[in-house]
Amino acid sequence: MASSLCAELRRWGYEAQAVEDFQNVAETFAAFDPQLVLLDVMLPFFNGYHWCQEIRKRSNVPIVFLSSASDTMNIVMAMNMGGDDFLAKPVDLSVMTAKVQAVLRRSYERSGTLPVLEHRGAVLNLNDNTLRYQGKQLELSRNEFRILQTLLEQKGKVVSRDTLMTRLWQMDCYVEENTLTVNVTRLRKKLEGIGLTDFILTRVRAGYIVE
């Protein structure tokens, strides 16, 4: 079932990962850092309610419970344990996808965007100024983060130096032109350090681009 759910979510353009080590669900959660969790009630070793409580200790990520025991008591318990919604098994894949899309919209679109920007497997977390790539996490300075955020928001398009400087200025962080060059150079070195080579490209007399 987990494989079918993952395959359906990937078909809709989502990244999905199924837990394989049911004694260390929290570790898998931390490594993948998801924006939504589908959590079965009945699991080996510890049930879904236990892992919901463990996830809630570190994250407010939306959790949708799955269970064949879809009676009122289980639904109420799932909600009281910190769940955001409930799906009864057997799961209809189209219903599951619609539920996931609805929960994501309800949880994130109020702020206008999901709290991450993703490109080439690199995920920029807009909440804590970090970049994750292939299991590695990169801490970014305020300037580095804002430069990378601007480029990722406009990926595939050339962003002029003036646009970057204006973006930083509007965010109460004035950057002189030479300082921008220094920040971009430092950011590139950090990205290369975790395996992201040629992530930010220069267009002569035009600006920078993330292709």
C-alpha atoms as a PDB file:
ATOM      1  CA  MET A   1       0.000   0.000   0.000  1.00  0.00           C
ATOM      2  CA  ALA A   2       2.816   2.381   0.868  1.00  0.00           C
ATOM      3  CA  SER A   3       4.415   1.809  -2.535  1.00  0.00           C
ATOM      4  CA  SER A   4       1.106   2.495  -4.294  1.00  0.00           C
ATOM      5  CA  LEU A   5       0.571   5.709  -2.340  1.00  0.00           C
ATOM      6  CA  CYS A   6       4.110   6.926  -3.111  1.00  0.00           C
ATOM      7  CA  ALA A   7       3.738   6.073  -6.803  1.00  0.00           C
ATOM      8  CA  GLU A   8       0.454   7.981  -7.044  1.00  0.00           C
ATOM      9  CA  LEU A   9       1.863  11.048  -5.278  1.00  0.00           C
ATOM     10  CA  ARG A  10       4.935  11.052  -7.520  1.00  0.00           C
ATOM     11  CA  ARG A  11       2.640  10.837 -10.547  1.00  0.00           C
ATOM     12  CA  TRP A  12       1.140  14.136  -9.380  1.00  0.00           C
ATOM     13  CA  GLY A  13       4.580  15.735  -9.080  1.00  0.00           C
ATOM     14  CA  TYR A  14       5.156  15.312  -5.340  1.00  0.00           C
ATOM     15  CA  GLU A  15       8.270  13.862  -3.722  1.00  0.00           C
ATOM     16  CA  ALA A  16       7.317  10.915  -1.533  1.00  0.00           C
ATOM     17  CA  GLN A  17       9.191   8.470   0.695  1.00  0.00           C
ATOM     18  CA  ALA A  18       7.905   5.464   2.610  1.00  0.00           C
ATOM     19  CA  VAL A  19       9.257   4.482   6.014  1.00  0.00           C
ATOM     20  CA  GLU A  20      11.101   1.159   6.013  1.00  0.00           C
ATOM     21  CA  ASP A  21      12.544   1.045   9.538  1.00  0.00           C
ATOM     22  CA  PHE A  22       9.489   1.106  11.805  1.00  0.00           C
ATOM     23  CA  GLN A  23      11.583   1.282  14.960  1.00  0.00           C
ATOM     24  CA  ASN A  24      13.051   4.611  13.829  1.00  0.00           C
ATOM     25  CA  VAL A  25      10.201   6.483  12.158  1.00  0.00           C
ATOM     26  CA  ALA A  26      11.291   9.779  13.733  1.00  0.00           C
ATOM     27  CA  GLU A  27      14.751   9.482  12.169  1.00  0.00           C
ATOM     28  CA  THR A  28      13.273   8.918   8.702  1.00  0.00           C
ATOM     29  CA  PHE A  29      10.975  11.895   9.242  1.00  0.00           C
ATOM     30  CA  ALA A  30      13.879  14.147  10.244  1.00  0.00           C
ATOM     31  CA  ALA A  31      16.011  13.072   7.277  1.00  0.00           C
ATOM     32  CA  PHE A  32      13.276  13.579   4.661  1.00  0.00           C
ATOM     33  CA  ASP A  33      11.826  16.712   6.301  1.00  0.00           C
ATOM     34  CA  PRO A  34       8.375  16.421   4.641  1.00  0.00           C
ATOM     35  CA  GLN A  35       5.606  19.003   4.253  1.00  0.00           C
ATOM     36  CA  LEU A  36       2.924  16.373   4.996  1.00  0.00           C
ATOM     37  CA  VAL A  37       2.784  12.951   6.661  1.00  0.00           C
ATOM     38  CA  LEU A  38       0.426  10.072   5.835  1.00  0.00           C
ATOM     39  CA  LEU A  39       0.429   7.959   8.992  1.00  0.00           C
ATOM     40  CA  ASP A  40      -1.191   4.551   9.430  1.00  0.00           C
ATOM     41  CA  VAL A  41      -2.607   3.787  12.868  1.00  0.00           C
ATOM     42  CA  MET A  42      -1.490   0.147  12.879  1.00  0.00           C
ATOM     43  CA  LEU A  43       2.293  -0.134  12.523  1.00  0.00           C
ATOM     44  CA  PRO A  44       4.968  -2.601  13.704  1.00  0.00           C
ATOM     45  CA  PHE A  45       6.518  -1.947  17.138  1.00  0.00           C
ATOM     46  CA  PHE A  46       4.663   1.326  17.904  1.00  0.00           C
ATOM     47  CA  ASN A  47       1.321   2.535  16.575  1.00  0.00           C
ATOM     48  CA  GLY A  48       0.692   5.701  14.593  1.00  0.00           C
ATOM     49  CA  TYR A  49      -0.548   7.591  17.638  1.00  0.00           C
ATOM     50  CA  HIS A  50       2.868   7.153  19.278  1.00  0.00           C
ATOM     51  CA  TRP A  51       4.716   8.432  16.214  1.00  0.00           C
ATOM     52  CA  CYS A  52       2.292  11.324  15.831  1.00  0.00           C
ATOM     53  CA  GLN A  53       3.207  12.461  19.339  1.00  0.00           C
ATOM     54  CA  GLU A  54       6.919  12.087  18.564  1.00  0.00           C
ATOM     55  CA  ILE A  55       6.580  14.128  15.353  1.00  0.00           C
ATOM     56  CA  ARG A  56       4.593  16.796  17.179  1.00  0.00           C
ATOM     57  CA  LYS A  57       7.515  17.275  19.587  1.00  0.00           C
ATOM     58  CA  ARG A  58       9.585  18.644  16.699  1.00  0.00           C
ATOM     59  CA  SER A  59       7.193  19.786  13.969  1.00  0.00           C
ATOM     60  CA  ASN A  60       3.736  21.156  13.170  1.00  0.00           C
ATOM     61  CA  VAL A  61       3.719  19.451   9.766  1.00  0.00           C
ATOM     62  CA  PRO A  62       0.176  18.349   8.784  1.00  0.00           C
ATOM     63  CA  ILE A  63      -0.527  14.682   9.550  1.00  0.00           C
ATOM     64  CA  VAL A  64      -3.244  12.657   7.820  1.00  0.00           C
ATOM     65  CA  PHE A  65      -4.080   9.367   9.560  1.00  0.00           C
ATOM     66  CA  LEU A  66      -4.962   6.194   7.649  1.00  0.00           C
ATOM     67  CA  SER A  67      -6.873   3.349   9.271  1.00  0.00           C
ATOM     68  CA  SER A  68      -9.296   0.543   8.492  1.00  0.00           C
ATOM     69  CA  ALA A  69     -10.711   1.202  11.968  1.00  0.00           C
ATOM     70  CA  SER A  70     -12.550   4.333  10.867  1.00  0.00           C
ATOM     71  CA  ASP A  71     -15.034   4.401  13.717  1.00  0.00           C
ATOM     72  CA  THR A  72     -15.764   7.601  15.604  1.00  0.00           C
ATOM     73  CA  MET A  73     -13.460   6.746  18.519  1.00  0.00           C
ATOM     74  CA  ASN A  74     -10.409   6.251  16.282  1.00  0.00           C
ATOM     75  CA  ILE A  75     -11.113   9.425  14.331  1.00  0.00           C
ATOM     76  CA  VAL A  76     -11.490  11.446  17.539  1.00  0.00           C
ATOM     77  CA  MET A  77      -8.307   9.904  18.983  1.00  0.00           C
ATOM     78  CA  ALA A  78      -6.374  10.700  15.792  1.00  0.00           C
ATOM     79  CA  MET A  79      -7.467  14.335  15.944  1.00  0.00           C
ATOM     80  CA  ASN A  80      -6.750  14.609  19.663  1.00  0.00           C
ATOM     81  CA  MET A  81      -3.255  13.172  19.167  1.00  0.00           C
ATOM     82  CA  GLY A  82      -2.405  15.975  16.746  1.00  0.00           C
ATOM     83  CA  GLY A  83      -3.706  14.679  13.433  1.00  0.00           C
ATOM     84  CA  ASP A  84      -5.123  17.097  10.861  1.00  0.00           C
ATOM     85  CA  ASP A  85      -7.334  14.734   8.881  1.00  0.00           C
ATOM     86  CA  PHE A  86      -8.328  11.078   8.493  1.00  0.00           C
ATOM     87  CA  LEU A  87      -8.549   8.620   5.575  1.00  0.00           C
ATOM     88  CA  ALA A  88     -10.391   5.306   5.861  1.00  0.00           C
ATOM     89  CA  LYS A  89      -8.852   2.162   4.360  1.00  0.00           C
ATOM     90  CA  PRO A  90      -9.065   0.732   1.780  1.00  0.00           C
ATOM     91  CA  VAL A  91      -7.763   4.029   0.403  1.00  0.00           C
ATOM     92  CA  ASP A  92      -9.056   5.281  -2.917  1.00  0.00           C
ATOM     93  CA  LEU A  93      -6.017   6.828  -4.613  1.00  0.00           C
ATOM     94  CA  SER A  94      -7.962   9.696  -6.175  1.00  0.00           C
ATOM     95  CA  VAL A  95      -9.555  10.533  -2.814  1.00  0.00           C
ATOM     96  CA  MET A  96      -6.145  10.328  -1.132  1.00  0.00           C
ATOM     97  CA  THR A  97      -4.615  12.734  -3.674  1.00  0.00           C
ATOM     98  CA  ALA A  98      -7.502  15.190  -3.301  1.00  0.00           C
ATOM     99  CA  LYS A  99      -7.165  15.004   0.496  1.00  0.00           C
ATOM    100  CA  VAL A 100      -3.411  15.648   0.338  1.00  0.00           C
ATOM    101  CA  GLN A 101      -3.890  18.625  -1.980  1.00  0.00           C
ATOM    102  CA  ALA A 102      -6.615  20.070   0.270  1.00  0.00           C
ATOM    103  CA  VAL A 103      -4.558  19.693   3.444  1.00  0.00           C
ATOM    104  CA  LEU A 104      -1.489  21.262   1.794  1.00  0.00           C
ATOM    105  CA  ARG A 105      -3.562  24.216   0.598  1.00  0.00           C
ATOM    106  CA  ARG A 106      -5.181  24.646   4.004  1.00  0.00           C
ATOM    107  CA  SER A 107      -1.866  24.406   5.828  1.00  0.00           C
ATOM    108  CA  TYR A 108       0.419  26.463   3.606  1.00  0.00           C
ATOM    109  CA  GLU A 109      -1.317  28.651   1.039  1.00  0.00           C
ATOM    110  CA  ARG A 110      -2.487  31.158   3.632  1.00  0.00           C
ATOM    111  CA  SER A 111       1.106  32.391   3.663  1.00  0.00           C
ATOM    112  CA  GLY A 112       1.101  32.472  -0.144  1.00  0.00           C
ATOM    113  CA  THR A 113       3.596  29.669  -0.650  1.00  0.00           C
ATOM    114  CA  LEU A 114       4.841  26.343   0.573  1.00  0.00           C
ATOM    115  CA  PRO A 115       7.682  26.950   3.057  1.00  0.00           C
ATOM    116  CA  VAL A 116      10.346  25.594   0.676  1.00  0.00           C
ATOM    117  CA  LEU A 117      11.814  26.237  -2.763  1.00  0.00           C
ATOM    118  CA  GLU A 118      13.252  23.217  -4.604  1.00  0.00           C
ATOM    119  CA  HIS A 119      15.594  22.828  -7.589  1.00  0.00           C
ATOM    120  CA  ARG A 120      17.832  19.954  -8.748  1.00  0.00           C
ATOM    121  CA  GLY A 121      17.128  18.120  -5.511  1.00  0.00           C
ATOM    122  CA  ALA A 122      18.216  21.087  -3.373  1.00  0.00           C
ATOM    123  CA  VAL A 123      15.529  22.300  -0.953  1.00  0.00           C
ATOM    124  CA  LEU A 124      15.659  25.826   0.471  1.00  0.00           C
ATOM    125  CA  ASN A 125      13.698  26.062   3.729  1.00  0.00           C
ATOM    126  CA  LEU A 126      12.107  29.496   3.948  1.00  0.00           C
ATOM    127  CA  ASN A 127      11.486  29.145   7.673  1.00  0.00           C
ATOM    128  CA  ASP A 128      15.020  28.619   8.942  1.00  0.00           C
ATOM    129  CA  ASN A 129      17.391  29.870   6.181  1.00  0.00           C
ATOM    130  CA  THR A 130      18.861  26.431   5.471  1.00  0.00           C
ATOM    131  CA  LEU A 131      19.477  24.455   2.287  1.00  0.00           C
ATOM    132  CA  ARG A 132      19.293  20.653   2.197  1.00  0.00           C
ATOM    133  CA  TYR A 133      20.877  18.525  -0.523  1.00  0.00           C
ATOM    134  CA  GLN A 134      21.430  14.747  -0.529  1.00  0.00           C
ATOM    135  CA  GLY A 135      21.229  14.525   3.246  1.00  0.00           C
ATOM    136  CA  LYS A 136      23.501  17.517   3.852  1.00  0.00           C
ATOM    137  CA  GLN A 137      22.289  20.741   5.451  1.00  0.00           C
ATOM    138  CA  LEU A 138      23.838  24.105   4.685  1.00  0.00           C
ATOM    139  CA  GLU A 139      23.498  27.102   6.992  1.00  0.00           C
ATOM    140  CA  LEU A 140      23.165  30.347   5.015  1.00  0.00           C
ATOM    141  CA  SER A 141      23.816  33.916   6.066  1.00  0.00           C
ATOM    142  CA  ARG A 142      20.951  36.376   5.723  1.00  0.00           C
ATOM    143  CA  ASN A 143      22.358  37.829   2.487  1.00  0.00           C
ATOM    144  CA  GLU A 144      23.145  34.403   1.006  1.00  0.00           C
ATOM    145  CA  PHE A 145      19.662  33.164   1.805  1.00  0.00           C
ATOM    146  CA  ARG A 146      17.928  36.173   0.266  1.00  0.00           C
ATOM    147  CA  ILE A 147      20.062  36.006  -2.889  1.00  0.00           C
ATOM    148  CA  LEU A 148      19.331  32.303  -3.322  1.00  0.00           C
ATOM    149  CA  GLN A 149      15.631  32.777  -2.545  1.00  0.00           C
ATOM    150  CA  THR A 150      15.333  35.475  -5.205  1.00  0.00           C
ATOM    151  CA  LEU A 151      17.114  33.362  -7.830  1.00  0.00           C
ATOM    152  CA  LEU A 152      15.012  30.267  -7.053  1.00  0.00           C
ATOM    153  CA  GLU A 153      11.788  32.257  -7.206  1.00  0.00           C
ATOM    154  CA  GLN A 154      12.844  33.304 -10.727  1.00  0.00           C
ATOM    155  CA  LYS A 155      14.568  30.054 -11.758  1.00  0.00           C
ATOM    156  CA  GLY A 156      15.042  29.808 -15.488  1.00  0.00           C
ATOM    157  CA  LYS A 157      15.174  33.593 -15.789  1.00  0.00           C
ATOM    158  CA  VAL A 158      18.136  35.965 -15.591  1.00  0.00           C
ATOM    159  CA  VAL A 159      17.955  38.129 -12.455  1.00  0.00           C
ATOM    160  CA  SER A 160      19.829  41.400 -12.817  1.00  0.00           C
ATOM    161  CA  ARG A 161      22.292  42.643 -10.223  1.00  0.00           C
ATOM    162  CA  ASP A 162      20.103  45.707  -9.764  1.00  0.00           C
ATOM    163  CA  THR A 163      17.112  43.474  -9.002  1.00  0.00           C
ATOM    164  CA  LEU A 164      19.084  41.547  -6.381  1.00  0.00           C
ATOM    165  CA  MET A 165      20.365  44.715  -4.770  1.00  0.00           C
ATOM    166  CA  THR A 166      16.881  46.234  -4.773  1.00  0.00           C
ATOM    167  CA  ARG A 167      15.444  43.063  -3.234  1.00  0.00           C
ATOM    168  CA  LEU A 168      17.976  43.188  -0.434  1.00  0.00           C
ATOM    169  CA  TRP A 169      17.469  46.930   0.037  1.00  0.00           C
ATOM    170  CA  GLN A 170      13.721  46.466   0.378  1.00  0.00           C
ATOM    171  CA  MET A 171      14.441  43.885   3.046  1.00  0.00           C
ATOM    172  CA  ASP A 172      16.350  46.467   5.104  1.00  0.00           C
ATOM    173  CA  CYS A 173      19.744  45.065   4.176  1.00  0.00           C
ATOM    174  CA  TYR A 174      21.600  47.487   1.895  1.00  0.00           C
ATOM    175  CA  VAL A 175      24.258  45.842  -0.272  1.00  0.00           C
ATOM    176  CA  GLU A 176      26.820  47.715  -2.329  1.00  0.00           C
ATOM    177  CA  GLU A 177      27.557  46.283  -5.779  1.00  0.00           C
ATOM    178  CA  ASN A 178      30.961  44.874  -4.816  1.00  0.00           C
ATOM    179  CA  THR A 179      29.472  43.363  -1.657  1.00  0.00           C
ATOM    180  CA  LEU A 180      26.902  41.563  -3.805  1.00  0.00           C
ATOM    181  CA  THR A 181      29.732  40.011  -5.839  1.00  0.00           C
ATOM    182  CA  VAL A 182      31.454  38.854  -2.656  1.00  0.00           C
ATOM    183  CA  ASN A 183      28.227  37.326  -1.323  1.00  0.00           C
ATOM    184  CA  VAL A 184      27.485  35.478  -4.559  1.00  0.00           C
ATOM    185  CA  THR A 185      31.060  34.124  -4.695  1.00  0.00           C
ATOM    186  CA  ARG A 186      30.844  32.926  -1.085  1.00  0.00           C
ATOM    187  CA  LEU A 187      27.433  31.355  -1.731  1.00  0.00           C
ATOM    188  CA  ARG A 188      28.754  29.484  -4.778  1.00  0.00           C
ATOM    189  CA  LYS A 189      31.632  28.049  -2.736  1.00  0.00           C
ATOM    190  CA  LYS A 190      29.207  26.846  -0.074  1.00  0.00           C
ATOM    191  CA  LEU A 191      26.996  25.205  -2.700  1.00  0.00           C
ATOM    192  CA  GLU A 192      29.996  23.502  -4.324  1.00  0.00           C
ATOM    193  CA  GLY A 193      31.005  22.228  -0.893  1.00  0.00           C
ATOM    194  CA  ILE A 194      27.866  20.061  -0.725  1.00  0.00           C
ATOM    195  CA  GLY A 195      28.061  18.971  -4.380  1.00  0.00           C
ATOM    196  CA  LEU A 196      25.999  21.679  -6.111  1.00  0.00           C
ATOM    197  CA  THR A 197      28.393  22.794  -8.834  1.00  0.00           C
ATOM    198  CA  ASP A 198      27.320  25.373 -11.440  1.00  0.00           C
ATOM    199  CA  PHE A 199      24.123  25.959  -9.491  1.00  0.00           C
ATOM    200  CA  ILE A 200      24.280  29.749  -9.952  1.00  0.00           C
ATOM    201  CA  LEU A 201      25.453  30.886 -13.392  1.00  0.00           C
ATOM    202  CA  THR A 202      26.577  34.369 -14.477  1.00  0.00           C
ATOM    203  CA  ARG A 203      25.216  36.055 -17.569  1.00  0.00           C
ATOM    204  CA  VAL A 204      27.744  38.729 -18.568  1.00  0.00           C
ATOM    205  CA  ARG A 205      26.272  42.241 -18.425  1.00  0.00           C
ATOM    206  CA  ALA A 206      22.912  40.725 -17.523  1.00  0.00           C
ATOM    207  CA  GLY A 207      23.012  39.155 -14.057  1.00  0.00           C
ATOM    208  CA  TYR A 208      22.655  35.670 -12.521  1.00  0.00           C
ATOM    209  CA  ILE A 209      20.482  32.673 -13.294  1.00  0.00           C
ATOM    210  CA  VAL A 210      19.545  29.341 -11.740  1.00  0.00           C
ATOM    211  CA  GLU A 211      18.738  27.190 -14.775  1.00  0.00           C
END
